[in-house]
Amino acid sequence: MNYFRYKLISPTGELLSGIVKLPYKDVMSAISHLERDGGITIYVKNGPGSLVSLFHSGCVKSSPDLPRQKY
């Protein structure tokens, strides 16, 4: 499993980007996987190992965990 950074245009015209974990080693297989729903890839690169390790270690969170208050 490798991480890939990607940017693509979805079939609806929306610009999507992010990091995805895929079971491929080469970039061309990742491109084929990302384009399977009809999107067009702008670029796909091997993922940044240091950023991915920060997400897994918990140093960086994608969204804060805040408790809800009742009124």
N, C-alpha and C. Protein backbone atom coordinates (compact mmCIF):
# COMPACT_ATOMS: atom_id res chain seq x y z
N MET A 1 0.84 -1.17 0.00
CA MET A 1 0.00 0.00 0.00
C MET A 1 0.88 1.24 0.00
N ASN A 2 0.64 2.11 -0.96
CA ASN A 2 1.39 3.35 -1.07
C ASN A 2 0.44 4.54 -1.03
N TYR A 3 0.97 5.67 -0.65
CA TYR A 3 0.20 6.91 -0.62
C TYR A 3 0.51 7.71 -1.87
N PHE A 4 -0.53 8.33 -2.42
CA PHE A 4 -0.39 9.16 -3.60
C PHE A 4 -1.08 10.49 -3.35
N ARG A 5 -0.43 11.56 -3.77
CA ARG A 5 -1.04 12.89 -3.76
C ARG A 5 -1.62 13.10 -5.15
N TYR A 6 -2.85 13.58 -5.22
CA TYR A 6 -3.51 13.71 -6.51
C TYR A 6 -4.28 15.02 -6.62
N LYS A 7 -4.54 15.40 -7.86
CA LYS A 7 -5.45 16.49 -8.19
C LYS A 7 -6.18 16.05 -9.44
N LEU A 8 -7.51 16.12 -9.41
CA LEU A 8 -8.27 15.69 -10.57
C LEU A 8 -9.53 16.52 -10.72
N ILE A 9 -10.09 16.46 -11.93
CA ILE A 9 -11.36 17.10 -12.23
C ILE A 9 -12.40 16.00 -12.30
N SER A 10 -13.43 16.11 -11.47
CA SER A 10 -14.49 15.09 -11.43
C SER A 10 -15.37 15.22 -12.67
N PRO A 11 -16.20 14.21 -12.96
CA PRO A 11 -17.10 14.29 -14.11
C PRO A 11 -18.06 15.49 -14.05
N THR A 12 -18.33 16.00 -12.85
CA THR A 12 -19.21 17.17 -12.72
C THR A 12 -18.46 18.48 -12.86
N GLY A 13 -17.14 18.44 -13.01
CA GLY A 13 -16.34 19.64 -13.19
C GLY A 13 -15.71 20.17 -11.92
N GLU A 14 -15.93 19.48 -10.81
CA GLU A 14 -15.37 19.91 -9.52
C GLU A 14 -13.89 19.54 -9.44
N LEU A 15 -13.08 20.43 -8.90
CA LEU A 15 -11.66 20.17 -8.71
C LEU A 15 -11.46 19.48 -7.37
N LEU A 16 -10.88 18.30 -7.38
CA LEU A 16 -10.64 17.51 -6.18
C LEU A 16 -9.15 17.29 -6.00
N SER A 17 -8.69 17.32 -4.76
CA SER A 17 -7.29 17.02 -4.48
C SER A 17 -7.18 16.40 -3.11
N GLY A 18 -6.09 15.69 -2.88
CA GLY A 18 -5.89 15.07 -1.58
C GLY A 18 -4.81 14.02 -1.61
N ILE A 19 -4.80 13.23 -0.56
CA ILE A 19 -3.86 12.11 -0.42
C ILE A 19 -4.69 10.86 -0.26
N VAL A 20 -4.34 9.82 -1.00
CA VAL A 20 -5.10 8.57 -0.97
C VAL A 20 -4.13 7.40 -0.83
N LYS A 21 -4.57 6.39 -0.08
CA LYS A 21 -3.78 5.17 0.09
C LYS A 21 -4.34 4.12 -0.87
N LEU A 22 -3.49 3.65 -1.77
CA LEU A 22 -3.91 2.68 -2.78
C LEU A 22 -2.98 1.47 -2.78
N PRO A 23 -3.49 0.32 -3.23
CA PRO A 23 -2.68 -0.90 -3.25
C PRO A 23 -1.79 -1.03 -4.48
N TYR A 24 -1.29 0.07 -5.00
CA TYR A 24 -0.45 0.07 -6.19
C TYR A 24 0.92 0.65 -5.86
N LYS A 25 1.90 0.25 -6.67
CA LYS A 25 3.25 0.78 -6.49
C LYS A 25 3.59 1.83 -7.53
N ASP A 26 2.99 1.75 -8.71
CA ASP A 26 3.35 2.69 -9.76
C ASP A 26 2.25 3.74 -9.96
N VAL A 27 2.66 4.88 -10.48
CA VAL A 27 1.78 6.03 -10.64
C VAL A 27 0.71 5.77 -11.69
N MET A 28 1.04 5.05 -12.76
CA MET A 28 0.06 4.79 -13.82
C MET A 28 -1.13 3.98 -13.32
N SER A 29 -0.89 3.02 -12.43
CA SER A 29 -2.00 2.26 -11.85
C SER A 29 -2.87 3.14 -10.97
N ALA A 30 -2.24 4.05 -10.24
CA ALA A 30 -2.99 4.99 -9.41
C ALA A 30 -3.84 5.92 -10.28
N ILE A 31 -3.31 6.36 -11.41
CA ILE A 31 -4.06 7.22 -12.33
C ILE A 31 -5.27 6.47 -12.86
N SER A 32 -5.08 5.22 -13.26
CA SER A 32 -6.20 4.41 -13.76
C SER A 32 -7.27 4.24 -12.69
N HIS A 33 -6.86 4.05 -11.45
CA HIS A 33 -7.81 3.89 -10.35
C HIS A 33 -8.59 5.19 -10.11
N LEU A 34 -7.91 6.31 -10.12
CA LEU A 34 -8.56 7.59 -9.86
C LEU A 34 -9.49 8.02 -11.00
N GLU A 35 -9.21 7.59 -12.22
CA GLU A 35 -10.03 7.95 -13.37
C GLU A 35 -11.15 6.95 -13.65
N ARG A 36 -11.34 5.98 -12.80
CA ARG A 36 -12.33 4.92 -13.07
C ARG A 36 -13.76 5.42 -13.13
N ASP A 37 -14.06 6.57 -12.47
CA ASP A 37 -15.42 7.10 -12.47
C ASP A 37 -15.62 8.19 -13.52
N GLY A 38 -14.68 8.35 -14.42
CA GLY A 38 -14.83 9.30 -15.51
C GLY A 38 -14.14 10.63 -15.28
N GLY A 39 -13.39 10.77 -14.20
CA GLY A 39 -12.66 12.01 -13.93
C GLY A 39 -11.40 12.11 -14.77
N ILE A 40 -10.78 13.27 -14.74
CA ILE A 40 -9.53 13.51 -15.47
C ILE A 40 -8.48 13.92 -14.46
N THR A 41 -7.38 13.18 -14.41
CA THR A 41 -6.32 13.52 -13.46
C THR A 41 -5.46 14.65 -14.01
N ILE A 42 -5.15 15.59 -13.16
CA ILE A 42 -4.24 16.67 -13.51
C ILE A 42 -2.82 16.25 -13.16
N TYR A 43 -2.65 15.72 -11.94
CA TYR A 43 -1.37 15.12 -11.59
C TYR A 43 -1.56 14.10 -10.48
N VAL A 44 -0.65 13.15 -10.47
CA VAL A 44 -0.57 12.14 -9.42
C VAL A 44 0.90 11.94 -9.12
N LYS A 45 1.24 12.04 -7.83
CA LYS A 45 2.63 11.87 -7.40
C LYS A 45 2.67 10.89 -6.24
N ASN A 46 3.80 10.26 -6.05
CA ASN A 46 3.97 9.43 -4.87
C ASN A 46 3.80 10.30 -3.64
N GLY A 47 3.12 9.75 -2.64
CA GLY A 47 2.76 10.52 -1.46
C GLY A 47 3.93 10.99 -0.64
N PRO A 48 3.73 12.10 0.06
CA PRO A 48 4.77 12.62 0.94
C PRO A 48 4.84 11.80 2.22
N GLY A 49 5.87 11.06 2.41
CA GLY A 49 6.00 10.16 3.55
C GLY A 49 5.98 10.88 4.89
N SER A 50 6.60 12.05 4.96
CA SER A 50 6.66 12.76 6.25
C SER A 50 5.29 13.27 6.66
N LEU A 51 4.50 13.77 5.74
CA LEU A 51 3.17 14.27 6.06
C LEU A 51 2.25 13.13 6.46
N VAL A 52 2.34 12.03 5.76
CA VAL A 52 1.50 10.87 6.07
C VAL A 52 1.84 10.32 7.45
N SER A 53 3.12 10.29 7.79
CA SER A 53 3.50 9.78 9.11
C SER A 53 3.00 10.70 10.22
N LEU A 54 2.90 12.00 9.97
CA LEU A 54 2.34 12.91 10.97
C LEU A 54 0.86 12.64 11.20
N PHE A 55 0.12 12.35 10.14
CA PHE A 55 -1.29 12.03 10.29
C PHE A 55 -1.48 10.75 11.09
N HIS A 56 -0.64 9.75 10.82
CA HIS A 56 -0.77 8.48 11.54
C HIS A 56 -0.34 8.58 12.99
N SER A 57 0.60 9.46 13.29
CA SER A 57 1.07 9.59 14.67
C SER A 57 0.11 10.39 15.53
N GLY A 58 -0.80 11.13 14.91
CA GLY A 58 -1.76 11.91 15.67
C GLY A 58 -1.32 13.33 15.94
N CYS A 59 -0.17 13.74 15.41
CA CYS A 59 0.30 15.11 15.62
C CYS A 59 -0.57 16.12 14.88
N VAL A 60 -1.12 15.71 13.76
CA VAL A 60 -1.97 16.58 12.96
C VAL A 60 -3.33 15.90 12.84
N LYS A 61 -4.39 16.61 13.15
CA LYS A 61 -5.73 16.06 13.04
C LYS A 61 -6.48 16.78 11.94
N SER A 62 -7.34 16.05 11.25
CA SER A 62 -8.07 16.67 10.16
C SER A 62 -9.23 17.51 10.67
N SER A 63 -9.80 17.17 11.81
CA SER A 63 -10.88 17.97 12.38
C SER A 63 -10.80 17.88 13.90
N PRO A 64 -11.12 18.97 14.59
CA PRO A 64 -11.03 18.94 16.05
C PRO A 64 -12.14 18.12 16.67
N ASP A 65 -11.83 17.47 17.77
CA ASP A 65 -12.82 16.71 18.51
C ASP A 65 -13.35 17.57 19.64
N LEU A 66 -14.43 18.25 19.41
CA LEU A 66 -15.01 19.13 20.42
C LEU A 66 -16.30 18.54 20.95
N PRO A 67 -16.50 18.55 22.26
CA PRO A 67 -17.74 18.03 22.80
C PRO A 67 -18.91 18.97 22.50
N ARG A 68 -20.07 18.39 22.28
CA ARG A 68 -21.27 19.20 22.04
C ARG A 68 -21.90 19.59 23.36
N GLN A 69 -22.42 20.78 23.39
CA GLN A 69 -23.09 21.25 24.60
C GLN A 69 -24.59 21.26 24.37
N LYS A 70 -25.33 20.87 25.41
CA LYS A 70 -26.78 20.93 25.33
C LYS A 70 -27.25 22.27 25.86
N TYR A 71 -28.26 22.82 25.24
CA TYR A 71 -28.82 24.11 25.67
C TYR A 71 -30.14 23.92 26.35
